[in-house]
Protein backbone atom coordinates (compact mmCIF):
# COMPACT_ATOMS: atom_id res chain seq x y z
CA MET A 1 -8.03 50.76 -106.22
CA LEU A 2 -6.04 47.88 -104.74
CA LYS A 3 -3.23 50.25 -103.63
CA ARG A 4 -5.75 52.62 -102.06
CA SER A 5 -7.41 49.78 -100.12
CA LEU A 6 -4.04 48.48 -98.97
CA SER A 7 -3.03 51.95 -97.82
CA ARG A 8 -6.23 52.34 -95.82
CA LEU A 9 -5.66 48.94 -94.23
CA LEU A 10 -2.11 49.85 -93.20
CA LEU A 11 -3.23 53.21 -91.84
CA GLY A 12 -5.90 51.48 -89.83
CA LEU A 13 -3.30 49.15 -88.32
CA ILE A 14 -0.93 51.94 -87.23
CA PRO A 15 -2.82 52.87 -84.02
CA ALA A 16 -2.95 49.21 -82.99
CA LEU A 17 0.74 48.72 -83.72
CA VAL A 18 1.62 51.82 -81.73
CA LEU A 19 -0.61 51.01 -78.77
CA ALA A 20 0.12 47.30 -78.50
CA PRO A 21 3.62 47.58 -76.94
CA ALA A 22 2.43 50.15 -74.39
CA ALA A 23 -0.55 48.02 -73.43
CA SER A 24 1.51 44.85 -73.13
CA ALA A 25 4.03 46.49 -70.83
CA GLN A 26 1.44 47.87 -68.42
CA GLN A 27 0.80 46.56 -64.93
CA TYR A 28 -2.84 45.67 -64.23
CA ASP A 29 -4.81 44.66 -61.18
CA ILE A 30 -6.24 41.55 -62.82
CA VAL A 31 -5.66 39.84 -66.16
CA ILE A 32 -7.88 37.00 -67.38
CA ARG A 33 -5.91 35.00 -69.94
CA ASN A 34 -6.58 32.29 -72.51
CA GLY A 35 -10.38 32.31 -72.13
CA ARG A 36 -13.00 31.82 -74.79
CA VAL A 37 -14.61 35.24 -74.75
CA LEU A 38 -18.35 35.60 -75.28
CA ASP A 39 -18.62 39.37 -75.32
CA GLY A 40 -22.40 39.49 -74.77
CA THR A 41 -23.34 40.82 -78.21
CA GLY A 42 -24.26 37.43 -79.64
CA ASN A 43 -20.95 37.08 -81.45
CA PRO A 44 -19.35 33.61 -81.40
CA TRP A 45 -16.62 33.14 -78.82
CA TYR A 46 -13.07 34.20 -79.59
CA TYR A 47 -9.75 34.03 -77.73
CA ALA A 48 -8.70 37.20 -75.93
CA ASP A 49 -7.19 38.37 -72.67
CA ILE A 50 -8.99 40.87 -70.46
CA ALA A 51 -7.30 43.38 -68.15
CA ILE A 52 -9.00 45.05 -65.20
CA ASN A 53 -7.99 48.05 -63.12
CA GLY A 54 -10.23 48.87 -60.19
CA GLU A 55 -13.83 48.45 -61.31
CA LYS A 56 -13.21 48.81 -65.05
CA ILE A 57 -12.15 46.71 -68.00
CA VAL A 58 -9.16 48.59 -69.41
CA ALA A 59 -7.81 46.33 -72.17
CA ILE A 60 -8.96 43.40 -74.30
CA GLY A 61 -6.70 41.55 -76.71
CA ASP A 62 -3.33 39.85 -76.65
CA LEU A 63 -1.95 40.74 -73.23
CA SER A 64 0.52 37.88 -72.98
CA GLN A 65 3.35 40.26 -72.14
CA ALA A 66 1.40 42.22 -69.52
CA THR A 67 1.87 41.78 -65.80
CA ALA A 68 -0.81 41.86 -63.13
CA ARG A 69 -1.24 41.51 -59.39
CA ARG A 70 -3.66 38.65 -60.08
CA VAL A 71 -3.62 36.47 -63.19
CA ILE A 72 -6.48 34.11 -63.98
CA ASP A 73 -5.74 31.31 -66.40
CA ALA A 74 -9.08 30.70 -68.12
CA LYS A 75 -7.81 28.04 -70.52
CA GLY A 76 -10.70 25.77 -71.48
CA LEU A 77 -13.20 28.13 -69.81
CA TYR A 78 -15.66 30.70 -71.13
CA VAL A 79 -15.54 34.37 -70.15
CA ALA A 80 -18.71 36.45 -70.38
CA PRO A 81 -20.32 39.55 -68.91
CA GLY A 82 -22.03 39.04 -65.57
CA PHE A 83 -25.62 37.91 -65.98
CA ILE A 84 -28.45 40.41 -65.48
CA ASP A 85 -31.70 39.13 -63.95
CA THR A 86 -34.43 41.50 -65.12
CA HIS A 87 -37.15 40.08 -62.88
CA SER A 88 -36.07 39.28 -59.32
CA HIS A 89 -38.00 39.02 -56.07
CA ALA A 90 -34.77 39.04 -54.05
CA SER A 91 -35.30 42.47 -52.48
CA ASN A 92 -36.24 41.37 -48.96
CA GLY A 93 -33.48 38.79 -48.88
CA LEU A 94 -30.82 41.20 -50.09
CA ALA A 95 -31.92 43.76 -47.50
CA SER A 96 -31.35 41.25 -44.70
CA LYS A 97 -27.99 40.73 -43.00
CA GLU A 98 -28.25 36.97 -43.41
CA LEU A 99 -28.81 36.94 -47.18
CA SER A 100 -27.30 40.22 -48.41
CA ALA A 101 -24.37 38.37 -50.03
CA GLY A 102 -26.82 36.78 -52.49
CA HIS A 103 -24.91 33.52 -52.77
CA PRO A 104 -27.63 31.55 -54.61
CA LEU A 105 -27.66 34.32 -57.23
CA LEU A 106 -23.90 34.63 -57.57
CA ALA A 107 -23.60 30.86 -57.99
CA GLN A 108 -25.71 31.26 -61.13
CA GLY A 109 -23.42 33.99 -62.47
CA ILE A 110 -25.91 36.77 -61.71
CA THR A 111 -24.14 40.04 -60.98
CA THR A 112 -27.12 42.42 -61.33
CA VAL A 113 -30.80 42.08 -60.43
CA LEU A 114 -33.74 44.36 -61.14
CA LEU A 115 -36.11 44.45 -58.17
CA ASN A 116 -39.79 45.32 -57.58
CA PRO A 117 -41.31 43.35 -60.48
CA ASP A 118 -45.02 42.65 -61.07
CA GLY A 119 -45.97 46.05 -59.65
CA GLY A 120 -44.91 44.94 -56.15
CA GLY A 121 -42.34 46.20 -53.68
CA PRO A 122 -41.89 49.45 -51.76
CA ALA A 123 -43.26 52.64 -53.28
CA ASP A 124 -40.54 54.62 -51.46
CA LEU A 125 -37.39 53.76 -53.40
CA VAL A 126 -35.16 56.06 -51.37
CA ASP A 127 -35.97 54.08 -48.23
CA GLN A 128 -35.60 50.79 -50.11
CA ARG A 129 -32.16 51.78 -51.30
CA ARG A 130 -31.14 52.67 -47.75
CA LYS A 131 -32.23 49.24 -46.52
CA LEU A 132 -30.42 47.45 -49.35
CA GLU A 133 -27.21 49.30 -48.59
CA GLU A 134 -27.39 48.81 -44.82
CA HIS A 135 -25.61 45.43 -44.75
CA GLY A 136 -23.83 45.71 -48.08
CA LEU A 137 -24.65 43.77 -51.26
CA GLY A 138 -22.96 40.82 -52.85
CA LEU A 139 -24.21 41.87 -56.27
CA ASN A 140 -25.69 44.92 -57.97
CA ALA A 141 -29.35 45.86 -57.66
CA GLY A 142 -31.49 48.18 -59.75
CA LEU A 143 -34.99 49.28 -58.77
CA MET A 144 -38.29 49.57 -60.62
CA VAL A 145 -41.22 51.77 -59.56
CA PRO A 146 -44.00 49.30 -58.62
CA HIS A 147 -47.39 50.36 -59.99
CA GLY A 148 -49.42 48.14 -57.65
CA SER A 149 -47.77 49.65 -54.59
CA VAL A 150 -48.21 53.17 -55.95
CA ARG A 151 -51.91 52.48 -56.52
CA ARG A 152 -52.29 50.93 -53.08
CA ALA A 153 -50.64 53.97 -51.46
CA VAL A 154 -53.11 56.33 -53.12
CA ILE A 155 -56.34 54.35 -53.67
CA GLY A 156 -55.92 51.32 -51.44
CA THR A 157 -57.42 48.07 -52.74
CA GLN A 158 -60.58 49.57 -54.15
CA ASP A 159 -61.81 48.45 -57.55
CA ARG A 160 -62.32 51.82 -59.23
CA ALA A 161 -60.64 54.39 -61.43
CA PRO A 162 -58.58 57.13 -59.80
CA THR A 163 -59.92 60.65 -59.51
CA PRO A 164 -57.90 63.36 -61.31
CA ALA A 165 -56.30 64.29 -58.00
CA GLU A 166 -55.43 60.68 -57.26
CA MET A 167 -53.97 60.23 -60.74
CA GLN A 168 -51.74 63.24 -60.15
CA GLU A 169 -50.67 61.83 -56.79
CA MET A 170 -49.75 58.52 -58.43
CA LYS A 171 -47.80 60.37 -61.13
CA ASN A 172 -45.93 62.21 -58.41
CA LEU A 173 -44.95 58.91 -56.77
CA VAL A 174 -43.77 57.47 -60.10
CA ARG A 175 -41.80 60.65 -60.76
CA ALA A 176 -40.20 60.46 -57.31
CA GLY A 177 -39.14 56.90 -58.01
CA MET A 178 -37.67 57.80 -61.37
CA GLU A 179 -35.88 60.78 -59.81
CA ALA A 180 -34.43 58.31 -57.30
CA GLY A 181 -32.84 56.42 -60.21
CA ALA A 182 -35.40 53.73 -61.06
CA PHE A 183 -35.01 51.92 -64.36
CA GLY A 184 -38.70 52.06 -65.18
CA LEU A 185 -42.23 51.18 -64.13
CA SER A 186 -43.34 47.65 -63.32
CA SER A 187 -46.96 46.58 -63.30
CA GLY A 188 -48.96 43.51 -62.40
CA PRO A 189 -52.50 43.91 -63.73
CA TYR A 190 -52.91 40.19 -63.08
CA TYR A 191 -52.76 40.89 -59.33
CA ALA A 192 -54.95 42.99 -57.05
CA PRO A 193 -54.85 45.97 -56.76
CA GLY A 194 -53.07 46.43 -60.10
CA SER A 195 -55.83 44.43 -61.77
CA PHE A 196 -58.27 47.23 -60.95
CA ALA A 197 -56.35 49.67 -63.18
CA LYS A 198 -57.52 50.25 -66.74
CA THR A 199 -55.09 50.44 -69.62
CA GLU A 200 -55.41 54.23 -69.68
CA GLU A 201 -54.07 54.46 -66.14
CA LEU A 202 -51.06 52.34 -67.04
CA VAL A 203 -50.38 54.50 -70.10
CA GLU A 204 -50.49 57.74 -68.12
CA LEU A 205 -48.10 56.48 -65.47
CA ALA A 206 -45.80 54.91 -68.05
CA LYS A 207 -45.54 58.31 -69.73
CA VAL A 208 -43.87 59.61 -66.58
CA ALA A 209 -41.33 56.77 -66.69
CA ALA A 210 -40.79 57.50 -70.39
CA GLU A 211 -39.74 61.07 -69.64
CA TYR A 212 -36.74 59.60 -67.83
CA GLY A 213 -35.88 57.01 -70.45
CA GLY A 214 -37.37 54.24 -68.34
CA ALA A 215 -38.93 50.98 -69.49
CA TYR A 216 -42.30 49.40 -68.72
CA SER A 217 -42.36 45.80 -67.51
CA SER A 218 -45.65 44.00 -66.97
CA HIS A 219 -46.89 40.77 -65.49
CA ILE A 220 -49.66 40.81 -68.05
CA ARG A 221 -53.32 40.92 -67.13
CA ASP A 222 -53.98 37.36 -68.26
CA GLU A 223 -51.48 34.63 -69.13
CA ALA A 224 -54.26 32.15 -69.90
CA ASP A 225 -57.98 32.72 -70.38
CA TYR A 226 -58.97 33.96 -66.94
CA THR A 227 -60.31 37.35 -68.05
CA ILE A 228 -59.34 39.13 -71.28
CA GLY A 229 -57.18 36.27 -72.52
CA LEU A 230 -53.49 35.91 -73.31
CA VAL A 231 -53.56 37.60 -76.72
CA ALA A 232 -55.39 40.70 -75.50
CA ALA A 233 -53.11 40.92 -72.45
CA VAL A 234 -49.99 41.00 -74.62
CA GLU A 235 -51.70 43.59 -76.81
CA GLU A 236 -52.17 45.75 -73.71
CA VAL A 237 -48.38 45.88 -73.17
CA ILE A 238 -47.95 46.82 -76.83
CA THR A 239 -50.55 49.57 -76.39
CA VAL A 240 -48.78 51.00 -73.33
CA ALA A 241 -45.42 50.92 -75.13
CA ARG A 242 -46.89 52.59 -78.22
CA GLU A 243 -48.90 55.30 -76.48
CA ALA A 244 -46.38 56.10 -73.75
CA ARG A 245 -43.48 55.90 -76.20
CA LEU A 246 -41.21 53.65 -74.16
CA ARG A 247 -39.88 50.11 -74.16
CA GLY A 248 -42.49 47.55 -73.13
CA VAL A 249 -41.59 44.16 -71.66
CA VAL A 250 -43.90 41.16 -71.40
CA THR A 251 -42.31 39.74 -68.31
CA HIS A 252 -41.90 35.96 -67.73
CA ILE A 253 -43.70 35.40 -71.02
CA LYS A 254 -45.67 32.14 -71.15
CA ALA A 255 -48.82 30.38 -72.29
CA LEU A 256 -50.25 29.22 -68.97
CA GLY A 257 -52.47 26.16 -68.97
CA PRO A 258 -53.79 23.66 -71.55
CA ASN A 259 -56.43 26.09 -72.84
CA VAL A 260 -53.79 28.38 -74.34
CA TRP A 261 -50.97 25.98 -75.18
CA GLY A 262 -49.83 26.61 -78.72
CA LEU A 263 -50.61 30.34 -78.71
CA SER A 264 -46.90 31.18 -78.61
CA ASP A 265 -46.78 31.39 -82.41
CA SER A 266 -49.57 33.98 -82.43
CA ILE A 267 -47.91 36.00 -79.67
CA VAL A 268 -44.60 36.02 -81.54
CA LYS A 269 -46.33 37.29 -84.67
CA MET A 270 -48.04 40.04 -82.66
CA ILE A 271 -44.81 41.25 -81.13
CA ASP A 272 -42.92 41.04 -84.43
CA LYS A 273 -45.69 43.06 -86.11
CA ALA A 274 -45.56 45.73 -83.39
CA ARG A 275 -41.80 45.94 -83.67
CA ALA A 276 -42.04 46.25 -87.46
CA GLU A 277 -44.35 49.22 -86.84
CA GLY A 278 -41.71 50.85 -84.64
CA VAL A 279 -42.97 49.87 -81.18
CA GLU A 280 -40.22 48.74 -78.80
CA VAL A 281 -41.55 45.48 -77.37
CA PHE A 282 -39.49 42.83 -75.60
CA ALA A 283 -40.02 39.89 -73.28
CA ASP A 284 -38.21 37.98 -70.58
CA GLN A 285 -38.59 34.33 -69.63
CA TYR A 286 -37.54 31.69 -67.12
CA PRO A 287 -36.64 28.23 -68.48
CA TYR A 288 -39.10 26.09 -66.51
CA ASP A 289 -42.46 24.48 -67.21
CA ALA A 290 -43.87 25.54 -63.85
CA SER A 291 -44.78 28.97 -62.54
CA SER A 292 -45.07 30.14 -58.95
CA THR A 293 -47.40 32.52 -57.17
CA SER A 294 -49.77 32.47 -54.20
CA LEU A 295 -52.73 30.12 -54.04
CA ALA A 296 -55.06 33.12 -53.84
CA ALA A 297 -53.54 34.81 -56.91
CA ALA A 298 -53.77 31.60 -58.91
CA LEU A 299 -57.30 30.57 -58.04
CA LEU A 300 -59.37 33.40 -56.54
CA PRO A 301 -61.29 35.82 -58.77
CA ARG A 302 -60.03 39.38 -58.46
CA TRP A 303 -63.44 40.83 -57.65
CA ALA A 304 -63.43 38.71 -54.47
CA GLN A 305 -60.18 40.35 -53.36
CA ALA A 306 -61.30 43.95 -53.84
CA GLY A 307 -61.06 45.91 -50.62
CA GLY A 308 -58.47 43.65 -49.02
CA ARG A 309 -58.48 40.78 -46.55
CA LYS A 310 -61.48 41.79 -44.44
CA GLU A 311 -63.65 42.26 -47.50
CA LEU A 312 -62.59 38.84 -48.82
CA GLU A 313 -63.38 37.17 -45.51
CA ALA A 314 -66.80 38.84 -45.41
CA ARG A 315 -67.56 37.49 -48.88
CA LEU A 316 -66.46 34.01 -47.86
CA ASP A 317 -68.70 34.23 -44.77
CA ASP A 318 -71.72 34.85 -46.98
CA PRO A 319 -72.98 31.46 -48.30
CA ALA A 320 -74.19 32.77 -51.67
CA THR A 321 -71.05 34.78 -52.38
CA ARG A 322 -68.86 31.90 -51.19
CA ALA A 323 -70.62 29.60 -53.66
CA ARG A 324 -69.94 32.05 -56.47
CA ILE A 325 -66.26 32.31 -55.51
CA ARG A 326 -66.02 28.52 -55.27
CA ALA A 327 -67.44 28.09 -58.76
CA GLU A 328 -64.74 30.35 -60.17
CA VAL A 329 -62.05 28.51 -58.19
CA VAL A 330 -63.21 25.28 -59.84
CA GLU A 331 -62.87 26.91 -63.27
CA ASN A 332 -59.43 28.28 -62.44
CA LEU A 333 -58.24 24.88 -61.23
CA ALA A 334 -59.20 23.48 -64.64
CA ARG A 335 -57.30 26.30 -66.36
CA ARG A 336 -54.15 25.22 -64.52
CA GLY A 337 -54.61 21.56 -65.36
CA GLY A 338 -56.10 20.40 -62.06
CA ALA A 339 -55.22 20.20 -58.38
CA ASP A 340 -52.50 17.61 -58.93
CA ARG A 341 -50.48 20.21 -60.90
CA ILE A 342 -50.34 22.64 -57.97
CA LYS A 343 -47.70 22.03 -55.29
CA PHE A 344 -47.43 23.96 -52.03
CA ALA A 345 -44.12 25.82 -51.70
CA ARG A 346 -44.30 27.79 -48.44
CA PHE A 347 -47.05 28.22 -45.86
CA THR A 348 -46.20 29.78 -42.51
CA ARG A 349 -49.45 28.64 -40.89
CA ASP A 350 -49.11 24.97 -41.78
CA ARG A 351 -45.65 23.66 -42.71
CA SER A 352 -47.04 20.13 -43.10
CA VAL A 353 -48.47 20.93 -46.53
CA GLU A 354 -45.16 22.13 -48.04
CA GLY A 355 -43.98 19.96 -50.90
CA LYS A 356 -47.38 18.29 -51.33
CA THR A 357 -49.86 18.91 -54.13
CA LEU A 358 -53.22 20.51 -53.55
CA GLN A 359 -54.83 17.21 -54.53
CA GLN A 360 -52.75 15.25 -52.01
CA VAL A 361 -53.68 17.54 -49.14
CA ALA A 362 -57.33 17.56 -50.23
CA ASP A 363 -57.36 13.75 -50.21
CA GLU A 364 -55.70 13.64 -46.78
CA ARG A 365 -58.32 15.99 -45.36
CA GLN A 366 -61.19 14.46 -47.30
CA LEU A 367 -62.06 17.77 -48.93
CA ASP A 368 -62.71 18.89 -52.46
CA PRO A 369 -59.69 20.90 -53.73
CA ALA A 370 -61.87 23.97 -54.23
CA ASP A 371 -63.14 23.83 -50.65
CA LEU A 372 -59.62 23.31 -49.33
CA THR A 373 -58.49 26.34 -51.31
CA LEU A 374 -61.10 28.57 -49.68
CA GLN A 375 -60.21 27.19 -46.27
CA LEU A 376 -56.51 27.91 -46.75
CA VAL A 377 -56.89 31.44 -48.10
CA TYR A 378 -59.27 32.50 -45.35
CA GLY A 379 -57.36 34.83 -43.07
CA GLY A 380 -55.25 36.38 -45.79
CA THR A 381 -52.14 34.20 -45.49
CA ALA A 382 -52.54 31.99 -48.54
CA PRO A 383 -49.62 29.65 -49.18
CA SER A 384 -47.29 30.12 -52.12
CA ILE A 385 -47.46 27.44 -54.78
CA VAL A 386 -45.59 25.95 -57.70
CA SER A 387 -47.94 25.35 -60.63
CA PHE A 388 -47.02 22.99 -63.47
CA ASN A 389 -48.83 24.57 -66.38
CA MET A 390 -46.55 25.18 -69.38
CA ASN A 391 -45.73 23.35 -72.60
CA GLU A 392 -42.16 22.78 -73.81
CA ASN A 393 -42.97 23.80 -77.38
CA ASP A 394 -44.18 27.21 -76.20
CA ILE A 395 -41.12 27.61 -73.97
CA ALA A 396 -38.82 26.92 -76.93
CA THR A 397 -40.75 29.22 -79.29
CA PHE A 398 -40.49 32.19 -76.94
CA MET A 399 -36.86 31.43 -76.11
CA ARG A 400 -35.76 31.55 -79.76
CA GLN A 401 -36.91 35.14 -80.26
CA PRO A 402 -34.17 37.79 -80.46
CA TRP A 403 -36.22 40.05 -78.20
CA THR A 404 -36.47 37.56 -75.30
CA MET A 405 -34.27 38.10 -72.25
CA THR A 406 -33.59 35.65 -69.42
CA ALA A 407 -35.09 36.30 -65.98
CA SER A 408 -35.64 34.16 -62.91
CA ASP A 409 -38.80 35.49 -61.24
CA GLY A 410 -37.10 33.95 -58.22
CA GLY A 411 -36.70 35.08 -54.67
CA LEU A 412 -33.91 34.83 -52.14
CA VAL A 413 -34.84 32.83 -49.06
CA ARG A 414 -33.06 31.16 -46.21
CA MET A 415 -31.73 27.73 -47.15
CA GLY A 416 -34.28 25.12 -46.15
CA SER A 417 -37.19 27.56 -45.99
CA GLY A 418 -40.13 25.73 -47.54
CA VAL A 419 -40.06 24.02 -50.93
CA PRO A 420 -39.93 27.02 -53.29
CA HIS A 421 -39.64 27.04 -57.05
CA PRO A 422 -36.07 26.05 -58.01
CA ARG A 423 -35.73 29.05 -60.33
CA GLY A 424 -34.31 31.13 -57.47
CA TYR A 425 -31.30 28.81 -57.47
CA GLY A 426 -30.96 27.59 -61.03
CA THR A 427 -32.46 29.75 -63.80
CA PHE A 428 -29.36 30.86 -65.67
CA PRO A 429 -27.33 27.61 -65.54
CA ARG A 430 -30.50 25.68 -66.41
CA LYS A 431 -30.98 27.63 -69.61
CA ILE A 432 -27.41 26.87 -70.63
CA ARG A 433 -27.45 23.21 -69.56
CA ARG A 434 -30.94 22.20 -70.71
CA TYR A 435 -31.76 24.51 -73.59
CA VAL A 436 -28.30 25.11 -75.09
CA ILE A 437 -26.33 21.92 -74.45
CA GLU A 438 -29.01 19.25 -74.15
CA LYS A 439 -31.89 20.46 -76.33
CA GLY A 440 -30.15 22.89 -78.69
CA VAL A 441 -33.04 25.36 -78.63
CA VAL A 442 -30.58 28.28 -78.84
CA ASP A 443 -26.81 28.43 -79.18
CA LEU A 444 -24.51 29.53 -76.39
CA ALA A 445 -23.76 33.00 -77.75
CA THR A 446 -27.49 33.71 -78.14
CA ALA A 447 -28.23 32.51 -74.62
CA ILE A 448 -25.46 34.70 -73.18
CA ARG A 449 -26.75 37.71 -75.13
CA SER A 450 -30.21 37.17 -73.60
CA MET A 451 -28.60 37.34 -70.16
CA THR A 452 -26.27 40.29 -70.72
CA SER A 453 -26.30 42.91 -73.48
CA LEU A 454 -29.99 42.58 -74.29
CA PRO A 455 -31.24 43.38 -70.75
CA ALA A 456 -28.61 46.10 -70.42
CA THR A 457 -29.90 47.63 -73.65
CA VAL A 458 -33.60 47.34 -72.81
CA TYR A 459 -33.24 48.84 -69.34
CA ARG A 460 -30.40 51.23 -70.22
CA ILE A 461 -28.10 49.83 -67.55
CA PRO A 462 -24.92 51.82 -68.13
CA GLU A 463 -21.52 50.20 -68.78
CA ARG A 464 -22.71 46.65 -68.19
CA GLY A 465 -23.84 43.71 -70.28
CA GLU A 466 -20.80 43.56 -72.58
CA LEU A 467 -17.10 42.86 -72.34
CA ARG A 468 -15.83 46.17 -73.63
CA VAL A 469 -13.02 48.52 -72.69
CA GLY A 470 -14.39 51.17 -70.34
CA TYR A 471 -17.20 48.96 -69.08
CA VAL A 472 -17.53 47.79 -65.48
CA ALA A 473 -15.85 44.49 -64.69
CA ASP A 474 -18.92 42.41 -63.92
CA ILE A 475 -17.53 39.19 -65.36
CA VAL A 476 -18.21 35.44 -65.14
CA VAL A 477 -15.72 32.70 -65.95
CA PHE A 478 -17.43 29.32 -66.23
CA ASP A 479 -16.79 25.71 -67.12
CA LEU A 480 -19.30 24.72 -69.78
CA ASP A 481 -18.87 21.03 -68.98
CA LYS A 482 -19.74 21.58 -65.33
CA ILE A 483 -22.36 24.32 -65.46
CA ARG A 484 -25.71 23.04 -64.29
CA ASP A 485 -28.69 23.77 -62.10
CA ASN A 486 -28.75 21.40 -59.14
CA ALA A 487 -32.00 22.70 -57.67
CA THR A 488 -35.03 20.53 -58.35
CA TYR A 489 -38.74 20.89 -57.66
CA GLY A 490 -38.43 18.34 -54.87
CA ASP A 491 -35.15 19.64 -53.45
CA PRO A 492 -34.76 23.27 -54.51
CA HIS A 493 -32.25 24.53 -51.93
CA GLN A 494 -29.13 23.63 -53.89
CA LEU A 495 -26.62 26.06 -55.36
CA SER A 496 -25.81 25.85 -59.05
CA SER A 497 -22.36 24.73 -60.14
CA GLY A 498 -19.92 25.61 -62.91
CA MET A 499 -18.98 29.19 -62.02
CA VAL A 500 -15.21 29.22 -61.54
CA HIS A 501 -14.85 32.98 -61.05
CA VAL A 502 -17.44 35.73 -60.68
CA LEU A 503 -16.36 39.36 -60.49
CA VAL A 504 -18.70 42.11 -59.33
CA ASN A 505 -17.43 45.66 -59.91
CA GLY A 506 -13.94 44.25 -60.32
CA GLY A 507 -13.96 42.31 -57.04
CA PHE A 508 -14.08 38.54 -56.62
CA ALA A 509 -17.50 37.28 -55.50
CA ILE A 510 -16.50 33.74 -56.48
CA GLU A 511 -12.85 32.77 -56.81
CA ASN A 512 -11.71 29.32 -57.91
CA GLY A 513 -15.22 28.04 -57.39
CA LYS A 514 -15.51 29.30 -53.81
CA LEU A 515 -17.91 32.02 -52.69
CA ASN A 516 -16.29 35.06 -51.09
CA GLU A 517 -17.46 35.13 -47.49
CA SER A 518 -15.49 38.18 -46.37
CA LYS A 519 -16.27 41.09 -48.70
CA LEU A 520 -19.31 42.28 -50.64
CA HIS A 521 -18.70 44.14 -53.90
CA GLY A 522 -22.21 45.02 -55.08
CA LYS A 523 -24.02 48.34 -55.10
CA VAL A 524 -27.42 49.85 -55.82
CA LEU A 525 -27.37 51.05 -59.41
CA THR A 526 -29.22 54.04 -60.78
CA ARG A 527 -30.51 54.72 -64.25
CA SER A 528 -28.16 56.65 -66.49
CA THR A 529 -29.05 60.35 -66.51
CA GLU A 530 -28.06 60.39 -70.17
CA ALA A 531 -31.04 58.14 -70.95
CA ARG A 532 -33.60 60.82 -70.06
CA ARG A 533 -35.83 61.76 -72.96
CA PRO A 534 -36.84 65.39 -73.49
CA VAL A 535 -40.56 65.93 -72.95
CA SER A 536 -42.17 66.63 -76.32
């Protein structure tokens, strides 16, 4: 038995012994040497060299004898797959000439973003792709089909179920998006008009995405106790995933507001139970205790928004209806912990309020916060806000789960534009600095997995998310001692630090800590055609 085992071991070594000299003698475009490799799978780091030709990783191992046009000495540094942001609002920025390089994203180590989350974004993905490619891209972008925009295109902002003909039209739009290479369907039943859709509508449209191997990502209907409650809202995602037979993602998972703090344990048990039953359920999360949305989305009841801006204004002009809306705004302020927990981020009509809390502005204007809210949203240009409403224990509980990915929920704006949530500048380094190094909530290999192979697996992003021969060379090389998010709630327009090299499709986006200003290496990605599931 011992001889047989030894023989098998020697036979297994023969290919490696034969191939090693050939590999070592080869000339490569780039070789990264002496780094601590975190391959993205969750394995602990190990020493290895990585060789790149063109866009692909072509060798991993001891390449000390190899030669290359460019050699990176990564001694003392960590080498990992490029980070994948599964929930990004960077579409408009990336489509602009000024911001197409995506520097705030690259500085975090992000090499791929998925766009059109929360059911928002263009319904025409072919046109969106054209706009994204017009000025080039500094990083890769994948698209989701946005349910809210699909519904708006067919039904408008009406609060009703679709007719059979309208349902077919919406299915056709989802199918067109999937045919254009989308990675799945995103929904936002928290927001109007997505909030007017019943679960059955979401299931039927998700079935179309499932035919193509797509996923379903949802800003759930209620992250607190606004309507159906947090537990029931997570159950809705599970229902869609189960009935449509596809991967369901509770996006930017959280327990929002004091009324639901502590429910993370129950949510984890629900998702674990569904997964034990064979339902593919996942989540993504940003590592902050504040969320961000518009003032109207946070505080106005959805029934008041049905029909769009003119309908809302007409309701606010009616004293009785305005009083009813105001009463619900008061309740929603309490759900979020009060007006002093809501800070204005951007408001094109009145820049003077940016960076101040709702309570501060209300005091300055001698108004009740609820009355100020109605005054500001009138006209349909409600300011965006940052809302401090989460509990650290819930953040840690969700983060520890093996099914939780990392996502920013951040945008891409001109430096100095308003006082936005810092997550657009700091999400990925913050998770490593605060929750790995400082708090020890997860270890480094687990955090990297949540940023790389897990999102690539969930969304079927081909040849990315791992350091593996044959995979695309989206690679980050970072200094663990220096990696940190510099963006704060008070001063968010600050790039993260610690990325020494960032490669996108084999090209340097960051080299020796400096952003590449001359060439963009990103592209619009499409879903793998091999992921399509036969219709049963």
